[in-house]
Amino acid sequence: MTDRHLIVLNVNGDEHETLVEPRKTLLDVLRHDLGLTGTHVGCEHGVCGACTVLVDGEPVRACLMFAVQAETAEIRTVESLSHDGELSDLQRSFSEHHGLQCGFCTPGFLMLAEGFLAQRPDAGREEIREAVSANLCRCTGYQTIVDAVEATATRRCHAKEKEATA
């Protein structure tokens, strides 16, 4: 008989009660228990970044975190980016700059970039390049991903400046 724990996870602003084994990963709970399949299963060793989500604003590999560890945290998945069917500015940038080819790694890159830009909204191109190098992509060569993140950072900075002068 496996020991199970009732936990409450705050995912994308909603609370979810679920019964989990202590060894069940956050990735498995998100995909299988909560049906949030935007978080992709890649290497399951924390290397590729396809499963990247934000936990308390920090990019985390969901395949390396146990669900029970996330109980008191605020978790955001790629599903949190769009609102009412409208893509976020970051998602639009990925589309405009062709930062998604096959799309498999895209959710992980989006969440990595969202967390990075929240911490470093005025990041330069080299900082962005270094940040996105944490995830693996076999299709784009990273240039278009860097372009998309840089475009989003620029737009957000301009919007903030415009808001400050209004």
N, C-alpha and C. Protein backbone atom coordinates (compact mmCIF):
# COMPACT_ATOMS: atom_id res chain seq x y z
N MET A 1 0.85 -1.18 0.00
CA MET A 1 0.00 0.00 0.00
C MET A 1 0.89 1.24 0.00
N THR A 2 0.66 2.12 -0.93
CA THR A 2 1.45 3.33 -1.06
C THR A 2 0.84 4.43 -0.20
N ASP A 3 1.72 5.15 0.43
CA ASP A 3 1.32 6.29 1.24
C ASP A 3 0.87 7.43 0.32
N ARG A 4 -0.28 8.00 0.56
CA ARG A 4 -0.77 9.10 -0.26
C ARG A 4 -1.06 10.30 0.63
N HIS A 5 -0.89 11.49 0.05
CA HIS A 5 -1.12 12.72 0.79
C HIS A 5 -2.09 13.61 0.03
N LEU A 6 -3.02 14.18 0.75
CA LEU A 6 -3.93 15.15 0.16
C LEU A 6 -3.23 16.49 0.18
N ILE A 7 -3.03 17.07 -1.00
CA ILE A 7 -2.39 18.38 -1.09
C ILE A 7 -3.28 19.34 -1.86
N VAL A 8 -3.05 20.60 -1.63
CA VAL A 8 -3.74 21.65 -2.37
C VAL A 8 -2.68 22.44 -3.13
N LEU A 9 -2.83 22.49 -4.44
CA LEU A 9 -1.90 23.22 -5.28
C LEU A 9 -2.58 24.45 -5.85
N ASN A 10 -1.88 25.58 -5.83
CA ASN A 10 -2.37 26.80 -6.46
C ASN A 10 -1.73 26.87 -7.84
N VAL A 11 -2.53 26.55 -8.86
CA VAL A 11 -2.02 26.51 -10.23
C VAL A 11 -2.81 27.50 -11.08
N ASN A 12 -2.09 28.44 -11.66
CA ASN A 12 -2.69 29.46 -12.53
C ASN A 12 -3.83 30.20 -11.84
N GLY A 13 -3.65 30.42 -10.54
CA GLY A 13 -4.62 31.18 -9.76
C GLY A 13 -5.79 30.38 -9.21
N ASP A 14 -5.84 29.09 -9.51
CA ASP A 14 -6.92 28.24 -9.01
C ASP A 14 -6.36 27.20 -8.05
N GLU A 15 -7.13 26.91 -7.00
CA GLU A 15 -6.72 25.87 -6.06
C GLU A 15 -7.24 24.51 -6.52
N HIS A 16 -6.36 23.51 -6.43
CA HIS A 16 -6.71 22.14 -6.83
C HIS A 16 -6.32 21.20 -5.70
N GLU A 17 -7.29 20.44 -5.22
CA GLU A 17 -7.05 19.42 -4.22
C GLU A 17 -6.79 18.11 -4.93
N THR A 18 -5.72 17.43 -4.55
CA THR A 18 -5.41 16.16 -5.19
C THR A 18 -4.70 15.23 -4.22
N LEU A 19 -4.89 13.97 -4.39
CA LEU A 19 -4.28 12.93 -3.57
C LEU A 19 -3.09 12.40 -4.33
N VAL A 20 -1.89 12.51 -3.74
CA VAL A 20 -0.68 12.12 -4.46
C VAL A 20 0.23 11.25 -3.60
N GLU A 21 0.99 10.42 -4.28
CA GLU A 21 2.07 9.69 -3.64
C GLU A 21 3.22 10.68 -3.45
N PRO A 22 4.00 10.54 -2.39
CA PRO A 22 5.09 11.50 -2.15
C PRO A 22 6.10 11.59 -3.28
N ARG A 23 6.25 10.51 -4.05
CA ARG A 23 7.25 10.49 -5.13
C ARG A 23 6.72 11.01 -6.47
N LYS A 24 5.46 11.41 -6.53
CA LYS A 24 4.87 11.87 -7.80
C LYS A 24 5.39 13.27 -8.12
N THR A 25 5.84 13.45 -9.35
CA THR A 25 6.42 14.74 -9.73
C THR A 25 5.32 15.78 -9.99
N LEU A 26 5.73 17.02 -9.89
CA LEU A 26 4.82 18.12 -10.22
C LEU A 26 4.38 17.99 -11.68
N LEU A 27 5.27 17.59 -12.55
CA LEU A 27 4.95 17.39 -13.96
C LEU A 27 3.80 16.40 -14.14
N ASP A 28 3.89 15.27 -13.46
CA ASP A 28 2.84 14.26 -13.58
C ASP A 28 1.51 14.75 -13.03
N VAL A 29 1.53 15.48 -11.94
CA VAL A 29 0.28 16.00 -11.37
C VAL A 29 -0.34 17.03 -12.32
N LEU A 30 0.48 17.92 -12.85
CA LEU A 30 -0.03 18.94 -13.77
C LEU A 30 -0.67 18.29 -14.99
N ARG A 31 0.01 17.36 -15.60
CA ARG A 31 -0.47 16.75 -16.84
C ARG A 31 -1.59 15.74 -16.61
N HIS A 32 -1.37 14.80 -15.69
CA HIS A 32 -2.28 13.67 -15.55
C HIS A 32 -3.43 13.92 -14.59
N ASP A 33 -3.17 14.62 -13.50
CA ASP A 33 -4.23 14.85 -12.52
C ASP A 33 -5.04 16.10 -12.83
N LEU A 34 -4.35 17.15 -13.31
CA LEU A 34 -5.04 18.43 -13.55
C LEU A 34 -5.34 18.67 -15.03
N GLY A 35 -4.82 17.84 -15.92
CA GLY A 35 -5.11 17.97 -17.35
C GLY A 35 -4.46 19.16 -18.02
N LEU A 36 -3.40 19.70 -17.42
CA LEU A 36 -2.69 20.84 -18.00
C LEU A 36 -1.54 20.31 -18.86
N THR A 37 -1.87 19.91 -20.07
CA THR A 37 -0.91 19.22 -20.93
C THR A 37 0.02 20.15 -21.70
N GLY A 38 -0.09 21.45 -21.48
CA GLY A 38 0.84 22.38 -22.11
C GLY A 38 2.25 22.21 -21.59
N THR A 39 2.40 21.73 -20.38
CA THR A 39 3.71 21.44 -19.82
C THR A 39 4.14 20.09 -20.40
N HIS A 40 5.21 20.10 -21.19
CA HIS A 40 5.59 18.92 -21.94
C HIS A 40 6.57 18.02 -21.19
N VAL A 41 6.48 16.74 -21.47
CA VAL A 41 7.41 15.75 -20.94
C VAL A 41 8.52 15.59 -21.96
N GLY A 42 9.74 15.87 -21.55
CA GLY A 42 10.87 15.72 -22.46
C GLY A 42 11.80 14.64 -21.96
N CYS A 43 12.91 15.04 -21.42
CA CYS A 43 13.94 14.09 -21.00
C CYS A 43 13.65 13.43 -19.65
N GLU A 44 12.85 14.06 -18.83
CA GLU A 44 12.54 13.61 -17.46
C GLU A 44 13.77 13.54 -16.56
N HIS A 45 14.81 14.29 -16.93
CA HIS A 45 16.03 14.36 -16.13
C HIS A 45 16.43 15.80 -15.82
N GLY A 46 15.59 16.76 -16.20
CA GLY A 46 15.88 18.16 -15.92
C GLY A 46 16.85 18.81 -16.88
N VAL A 47 17.15 18.17 -17.98
CA VAL A 47 18.14 18.68 -18.92
C VAL A 47 17.52 19.55 -20.00
N CYS A 48 16.38 19.14 -20.57
CA CYS A 48 15.87 19.79 -21.78
C CYS A 48 15.05 21.06 -21.51
N GLY A 49 14.34 21.14 -20.40
CA GLY A 49 13.56 22.33 -20.09
C GLY A 49 12.16 22.36 -20.66
N ALA A 50 11.73 21.30 -21.34
CA ALA A 50 10.39 21.27 -21.92
C ALA A 50 9.30 21.36 -20.86
N CYS A 51 9.62 20.97 -19.64
CA CYS A 51 8.63 20.94 -18.56
C CYS A 51 8.71 22.18 -17.66
N THR A 52 9.39 23.22 -18.10
CA THR A 52 9.58 24.41 -17.26
C THR A 52 8.26 25.09 -16.94
N VAL A 53 8.06 25.35 -15.65
CA VAL A 53 6.92 26.10 -15.13
C VAL A 53 7.48 27.15 -14.19
N LEU A 54 6.64 28.07 -13.76
CA LEU A 54 7.07 29.05 -12.76
C LEU A 54 6.53 28.62 -11.41
N VAL A 55 7.40 28.57 -10.44
CA VAL A 55 7.03 28.28 -9.06
C VAL A 55 7.47 29.48 -8.24
N ASP A 56 6.49 30.20 -7.70
CA ASP A 56 6.74 31.46 -7.01
C ASP A 56 7.59 32.40 -7.87
N GLY A 57 7.28 32.42 -9.16
CA GLY A 57 7.93 33.33 -10.09
C GLY A 57 9.25 32.86 -10.66
N GLU A 58 9.76 31.75 -10.17
CA GLU A 58 11.05 31.23 -10.62
C GLU A 58 10.86 30.07 -11.60
N PRO A 59 11.60 30.06 -12.71
CA PRO A 59 11.52 28.92 -13.61
C PRO A 59 12.04 27.65 -12.92
N VAL A 60 11.25 26.59 -13.00
CA VAL A 60 11.57 25.32 -12.35
C VAL A 60 11.26 24.19 -13.32
N ARG A 61 12.08 23.16 -13.29
CA ARG A 61 11.83 21.96 -14.07
C ARG A 61 10.81 21.11 -13.30
N ALA A 62 9.62 21.01 -13.82
CA ALA A 62 8.55 20.29 -13.13
C ALA A 62 8.83 18.80 -13.00
N CYS A 63 9.72 18.26 -13.84
CA CYS A 63 10.06 16.84 -13.76
C CYS A 63 10.98 16.55 -12.58
N LEU A 64 11.59 17.58 -12.02
CA LEU A 64 12.53 17.39 -10.91
C LEU A 64 11.95 17.76 -9.55
N MET A 65 10.74 18.26 -9.54
CA MET A 65 10.12 18.69 -8.29
C MET A 65 8.98 17.75 -7.93
N PHE A 66 8.94 17.35 -6.69
CA PHE A 66 7.81 16.54 -6.23
C PHE A 66 6.62 17.46 -6.03
N ALA A 67 5.44 16.97 -6.33
CA ALA A 67 4.22 17.76 -6.18
C ALA A 67 4.04 18.22 -4.73
N VAL A 68 4.38 17.37 -3.77
CA VAL A 68 4.20 17.74 -2.36
C VAL A 68 5.08 18.92 -1.98
N GLN A 69 6.18 19.14 -2.68
CA GLN A 69 7.06 20.28 -2.42
C GLN A 69 6.43 21.59 -2.86
N ALA A 70 5.48 21.52 -3.77
CA ALA A 70 4.89 22.72 -4.36
C ALA A 70 3.61 23.15 -3.66
N GLU A 71 3.24 22.48 -2.59
CA GLU A 71 1.93 22.73 -1.98
C GLU A 71 1.72 24.18 -1.57
N THR A 72 2.68 24.86 -1.04
CA THR A 72 2.47 26.24 -0.58
C THR A 72 2.86 27.28 -1.63
N ALA A 73 3.24 26.83 -2.81
CA ALA A 73 3.74 27.73 -3.85
C ALA A 73 2.64 28.17 -4.81
N GLU A 74 2.94 29.25 -5.52
CA GLU A 74 2.10 29.70 -6.64
C GLU A 74 2.73 29.15 -7.90
N ILE A 75 2.00 28.32 -8.61
CA ILE A 75 2.51 27.65 -9.80
C ILE A 75 1.84 28.25 -11.03
N ARG A 76 2.65 28.53 -12.05
CA ARG A 76 2.10 29.00 -13.32
C ARG A 76 2.59 28.10 -14.44
N THR A 77 1.67 27.69 -15.27
CA THR A 77 1.99 26.89 -16.44
C THR A 77 1.77 27.74 -17.69
N VAL A 78 2.12 27.21 -18.83
CA VAL A 78 1.96 27.94 -20.09
C VAL A 78 0.50 28.33 -20.31
N GLU A 79 -0.43 27.57 -19.78
CA GLU A 79 -1.84 27.90 -19.94
C GLU A 79 -2.20 29.24 -19.30
N SER A 80 -1.37 29.73 -18.38
CA SER A 80 -1.65 31.01 -17.70
C SER A 80 -1.31 32.23 -18.55
N LEU A 81 -0.61 32.03 -19.65
CA LEU A 81 -0.14 33.18 -20.42
C LEU A 81 -1.24 33.85 -21.23
N SER A 82 -2.10 33.09 -21.84
CA SER A 82 -3.17 33.69 -22.66
C SER A 82 -4.40 33.96 -21.79
N HIS A 83 -5.17 34.96 -22.20
CA HIS A 83 -6.38 35.33 -21.47
C HIS A 83 -7.52 35.51 -22.45
N ASP A 84 -8.63 34.85 -22.16
CA ASP A 84 -9.83 34.95 -23.00
C ASP A 84 -9.52 34.67 -24.48
N GLY A 85 -8.66 33.69 -24.72
CA GLY A 85 -8.34 33.32 -26.09
C GLY A 85 -7.33 34.22 -26.78
N GLU A 86 -6.87 35.25 -26.09
CA GLU A 86 -5.88 36.18 -26.65
C GLU A 86 -4.48 35.77 -26.20
N LEU A 87 -3.57 35.69 -27.14
CA LEU A 87 -2.19 35.37 -26.81
C LEU A 87 -1.55 36.50 -26.01
N SER A 88 -0.63 36.14 -25.14
CA SER A 88 0.13 37.16 -24.41
C SER A 88 1.12 37.82 -25.36
N ASP A 89 1.71 38.92 -24.93
CA ASP A 89 2.70 39.60 -25.76
C ASP A 89 3.89 38.69 -26.07
N LEU A 90 4.27 37.88 -25.12
CA LEU A 90 5.39 36.96 -25.33
C LEU A 90 5.02 35.89 -26.35
N GLN A 91 3.84 35.34 -26.25
CA GLN A 91 3.39 34.34 -27.23
C GLN A 91 3.31 34.95 -28.63
N ARG A 92 2.80 36.17 -28.72
CA ARG A 92 2.74 36.85 -30.03
C ARG A 92 4.14 37.04 -30.60
N SER A 93 5.08 37.43 -29.75
CA SER A 93 6.46 37.63 -30.21
C SER A 93 7.06 36.33 -30.74
N PHE A 94 6.80 35.23 -30.05
CA PHE A 94 7.31 33.95 -30.52
C PHE A 94 6.75 33.64 -31.90
N SER A 95 5.49 33.96 -32.11
CA SER A 95 4.86 33.72 -33.42
C SER A 95 5.44 34.67 -34.47
N GLU A 96 5.50 35.96 -34.16
CA GLU A 96 5.99 36.96 -35.11
C GLU A 96 7.44 36.72 -35.52
N HIS A 97 8.26 36.25 -34.59
CA HIS A 97 9.70 36.06 -34.85
C HIS A 97 10.05 34.61 -35.19
N HIS A 98 9.03 33.80 -35.38
CA HIS A 98 9.23 32.39 -35.74
C HIS A 98 10.09 31.67 -34.69
N GLY A 99 9.82 31.98 -33.42
CA GLY A 99 10.55 31.36 -32.32
C GLY A 99 10.00 30.00 -31.95
N LEU A 100 9.13 29.47 -32.80
CA LEU A 100 8.59 28.13 -32.57
C LEU A 100 8.59 27.41 -33.89
N GLN A 101 9.21 26.29 -33.91
CA GLN A 101 9.24 25.49 -35.13
C GLN A 101 8.30 24.31 -34.95
N CYS A 102 8.79 23.21 -34.39
CA CYS A 102 7.90 22.07 -34.17
C CYS A 102 6.97 22.35 -32.99
N GLY A 103 7.36 23.24 -32.10
CA GLY A 103 6.51 23.64 -30.98
C GLY A 103 6.69 22.82 -29.72
N PHE A 104 7.45 21.74 -29.76
CA PHE A 104 7.57 20.89 -28.59
C PHE A 104 8.22 21.62 -27.41
N CYS A 105 9.28 22.34 -27.67
CA CYS A 105 10.00 23.01 -26.59
C CYS A 105 9.39 24.37 -26.23
N THR A 106 8.48 24.86 -27.04
CA THR A 106 7.95 26.22 -26.89
C THR A 106 7.37 26.51 -25.53
N PRO A 107 6.52 25.67 -24.94
CA PRO A 107 5.98 26.00 -23.62
C PRO A 107 7.07 26.21 -22.56
N GLY A 108 8.09 25.38 -22.60
CA GLY A 108 9.19 25.54 -21.65
C GLY A 108 9.94 26.84 -21.87
N PHE A 109 10.18 27.19 -23.12
CA PHE A 109 10.85 28.46 -23.42
C PHE A 109 10.00 29.65 -23.01
N LEU A 110 8.69 29.56 -23.26
CA LEU A 110 7.80 30.66 -22.88
C LEU A 110 7.83 30.89 -21.37
N MET A 111 7.79 29.83 -20.60
CA MET A 111 7.78 29.99 -19.15
C MET A 111 9.14 30.43 -18.63
N LEU A 112 10.20 29.92 -19.22
CA LEU A 112 11.55 30.37 -18.86
C LEU A 112 11.67 31.87 -19.12
N ALA A 113 11.24 32.30 -20.31
CA ALA A 113 11.34 33.71 -20.69
C ALA A 113 10.44 34.59 -19.82
N GLU A 114 9.24 34.12 -19.52
CA GLU A 114 8.32 34.90 -18.67
C GLU A 114 8.93 35.13 -17.29
N GLY A 115 9.49 34.11 -16.71
CA GLY A 115 10.15 34.24 -15.41
C GLY A 115 11.38 35.13 -15.48
N PHE A 116 12.16 34.97 -16.53
CA PHE A 116 13.37 35.77 -16.71
C PHE A 116 13.03 37.24 -16.87
N LEU A 117 12.06 37.55 -17.74
CA LEU A 117 11.71 38.95 -17.98
C LEU A 117 11.07 39.62 -16.76
N ALA A 118 10.43 38.84 -15.91
CA ALA A 118 9.88 39.40 -14.67
C ALA A 118 11.00 39.85 -13.75
N GLN A 119 12.11 39.14 -13.78
CA GLN A 119 13.26 39.48 -12.94
C GLN A 119 14.18 40.49 -13.60
N ARG A 120 14.31 40.41 -14.92
CA ARG A 120 15.24 41.26 -15.67
C ARG A 120 14.53 41.91 -16.85
N PRO A 121 13.58 42.82 -16.58
CA PRO A 121 12.79 43.41 -17.67
C PRO A 121 13.62 44.21 -18.68
N ASP A 122 14.77 44.69 -18.27
CA ASP A 122 15.60 45.49 -19.16
C ASP A 122 16.83 44.73 -19.64
N ALA A 123 16.73 43.41 -19.67
CA ALA A 123 17.87 42.57 -20.06
C ALA A 123 18.31 42.85 -21.49
N GLY A 124 19.60 42.78 -21.69
CA GLY A 124 20.17 42.94 -23.02
C GLY A 124 20.21 41.61 -23.76
N ARG A 125 20.56 41.70 -25.00
CA ARG A 125 20.57 40.53 -25.89
C ARG A 125 21.45 39.39 -25.36
N GLU A 126 22.60 39.71 -24.86
CA GLU A 126 23.51 38.66 -24.36
C GLU A 126 22.95 37.98 -23.11
N GLU A 127 22.32 38.76 -22.24
CA GLU A 127 21.68 38.16 -21.06
C GLU A 127 20.54 37.24 -21.47
N ILE A 128 19.79 37.67 -22.45
CA ILE A 128 18.68 36.85 -22.96
C ILE A 128 19.23 35.57 -23.56
N ARG A 129 20.27 35.70 -24.36
CA ARG A 129 20.88 34.53 -24.99
C ARG A 129 21.35 33.53 -23.93
N GLU A 130 21.97 34.04 -22.89
CA GLU A 130 22.44 33.16 -21.82
C GLU A 130 21.26 32.50 -21.10
N ALA A 131 20.22 33.26 -20.84
CA ALA A 131 19.05 32.71 -20.13
C ALA A 131 18.39 31.59 -20.94
N VAL A 132 18.16 31.81 -22.22
CA VAL A 132 17.47 30.80 -23.02
C VAL A 132 18.33 29.59 -23.31
N SER A 133 19.64 29.71 -23.11
CA SER A 133 20.51 28.56 -23.33
C SER A 133 20.27 27.46 -22.29
N ALA A 134 19.49 27.75 -21.27
CA ALA A 134 19.18 26.74 -20.25
C ALA A 134 18.23 25.67 -20.78
N ASN A 135 17.50 25.97 -21.85
CA ASN A 135 16.56 25.00 -22.44
C ASN A 135 17.09 24.53 -23.79
N LEU A 136 16.65 23.36 -24.20
CA LEU A 136 17.10 22.79 -25.46
C LEU A 136 16.05 22.91 -26.55
N CYS A 137 16.52 23.25 -27.76
CA CYS A 137 15.67 23.28 -28.94
C CYS A 137 16.49 22.70 -30.09
N ARG A 138 15.88 21.81 -30.85
CA ARG A 138 16.58 21.19 -31.97
C ARG A 138 16.20 21.80 -33.30
N CYS A 139 15.27 22.75 -33.32
CA CYS A 139 14.76 23.27 -34.59
C CYS A 139 15.20 24.69 -34.91
N THR A 140 15.20 25.59 -33.94
CA THR A 140 15.33 27.01 -34.27
C THR A 140 16.74 27.54 -34.29
N GLY A 141 17.66 26.90 -33.62
CA GLY A 141 18.99 27.47 -33.53
C GLY A 141 19.06 28.64 -32.56
N TYR A 142 18.01 28.86 -31.80
CA TYR A 142 17.90 29.84 -30.72
C TYR A 142 17.81 31.30 -31.16
N GLN A 143 18.29 31.65 -32.34
CA GLN A 143 18.30 33.04 -32.78
C GLN A 143 16.90 33.65 -32.75
N THR A 144 15.94 32.94 -33.28
CA THR A 144 14.57 33.47 -33.34
C THR A 144 13.93 33.54 -31.96
N ILE A 145 14.32 32.64 -31.07
CA ILE A 145 13.83 32.67 -29.69
C ILE A 145 14.39 33.90 -28.99
N VAL A 146 15.68 34.15 -29.16
CA VAL A 146 16.30 35.35 -28.59
C VAL A 146 15.63 36.60 -29.14
N ASP A 147 15.38 36.63 -30.45
CA ASP A 147 14.70 37.77 -31.08
C ASP A 147 13.33 38.00 -30.45
N ALA A 148 12.59 36.93 -30.22
CA ALA A 148 11.24 37.03 -29.66
C ALA A 148 11.27 37.56 -28.23
N VAL A 149 12.18 37.06 -27.42
CA VAL A 149 12.28 37.51 -26.03
C VAL A 149 12.75 38.97 -25.99
N GLU A 150 13.70 39.31 -26.84
CA GLU A 150 14.19 40.69 -26.89
C GLU A 150 13.09 41.65 -27.32
N ALA A 151 12.30 41.27 -28.31
CA ALA A 151 11.18 42.10 -28.77
C ALA A 151 10.17 42.31 -27.65
N THR A 152 9.89 41.27 -26.89
CA THR A 152 8.95 41.38 -25.78
C THR A 152 9.50 42.31 -24.71
N ALA A 153 10.77 42.15 -24.38
CA ALA A 153 11.39 43.02 -23.38
C ALA A 153 11.31 44.48 -23.81
N THR A 154 11.60 44.75 -25.08
CA THR A 154 11.54 46.11 -25.61
C THR A 154 10.13 46.67 -25.53
N ARG A 155 9.15 45.88 -25.96
CA ARG A 155 7.75 46.33 -25.90
C ARG A 155 7.31 46.63 -24.47
N ARG A 156 7.68 45.74 -23.57
CA ARG A 156 7.28 45.93 -22.17
C ARG A 156 7.93 47.17 -21.57
N CYS A 157 9.19 47.41 -21.90
CA CYS A 157 9.88 48.61 -21.39
C CYS A 157 9.25 49.87 -21.95
N HIS A 158 8.93 49.87 -23.24
CA HIS A 158 8.26 51.03 -23.86
C HIS A 158 6.89 51.26 -23.24
N ALA A 159 6.16 50.21 -23.01
CA ALA A 159 4.81 50.33 -22.40
C ALA A 159 4.92 50.89 -20.99
N LYS A 160 5.94 50.45 -20.25
CA LYS A 160 6.14 50.94 -18.89
C LYS A 160 6.51 52.41 -18.89
N GLU A 161 7.38 52.82 -19.83
CA GLU A 161 7.78 54.22 -19.95
C GLU A 161 6.59 55.09 -20.32
N LYS A 162 5.79 54.61 -21.26
CA LYS A 162 4.60 55.34 -21.69
C LYS A 162 3.61 55.50 -20.52
N GLU A 163 3.46 54.44 -19.76
CA GLU A 163 2.56 54.46 -18.60
C GLU A 163 3.05 55.45 -17.55
N ALA A 164 4.36 55.51 -17.36
CA ALA A 164 4.94 56.41 -16.36
C ALA A 164 4.78 57.88 -16.73
N THR A 165 4.77 58.18 -18.03
CA THR A 165 4.63 59.56 -18.47
C THR A 165 3.17 59.99 -18.64
N ALA A 166 2.27 59.04 -18.57
CA ALA A 166 0.84 59.36 -18.74
C ALA A 166 0.22 59.92 -17.50
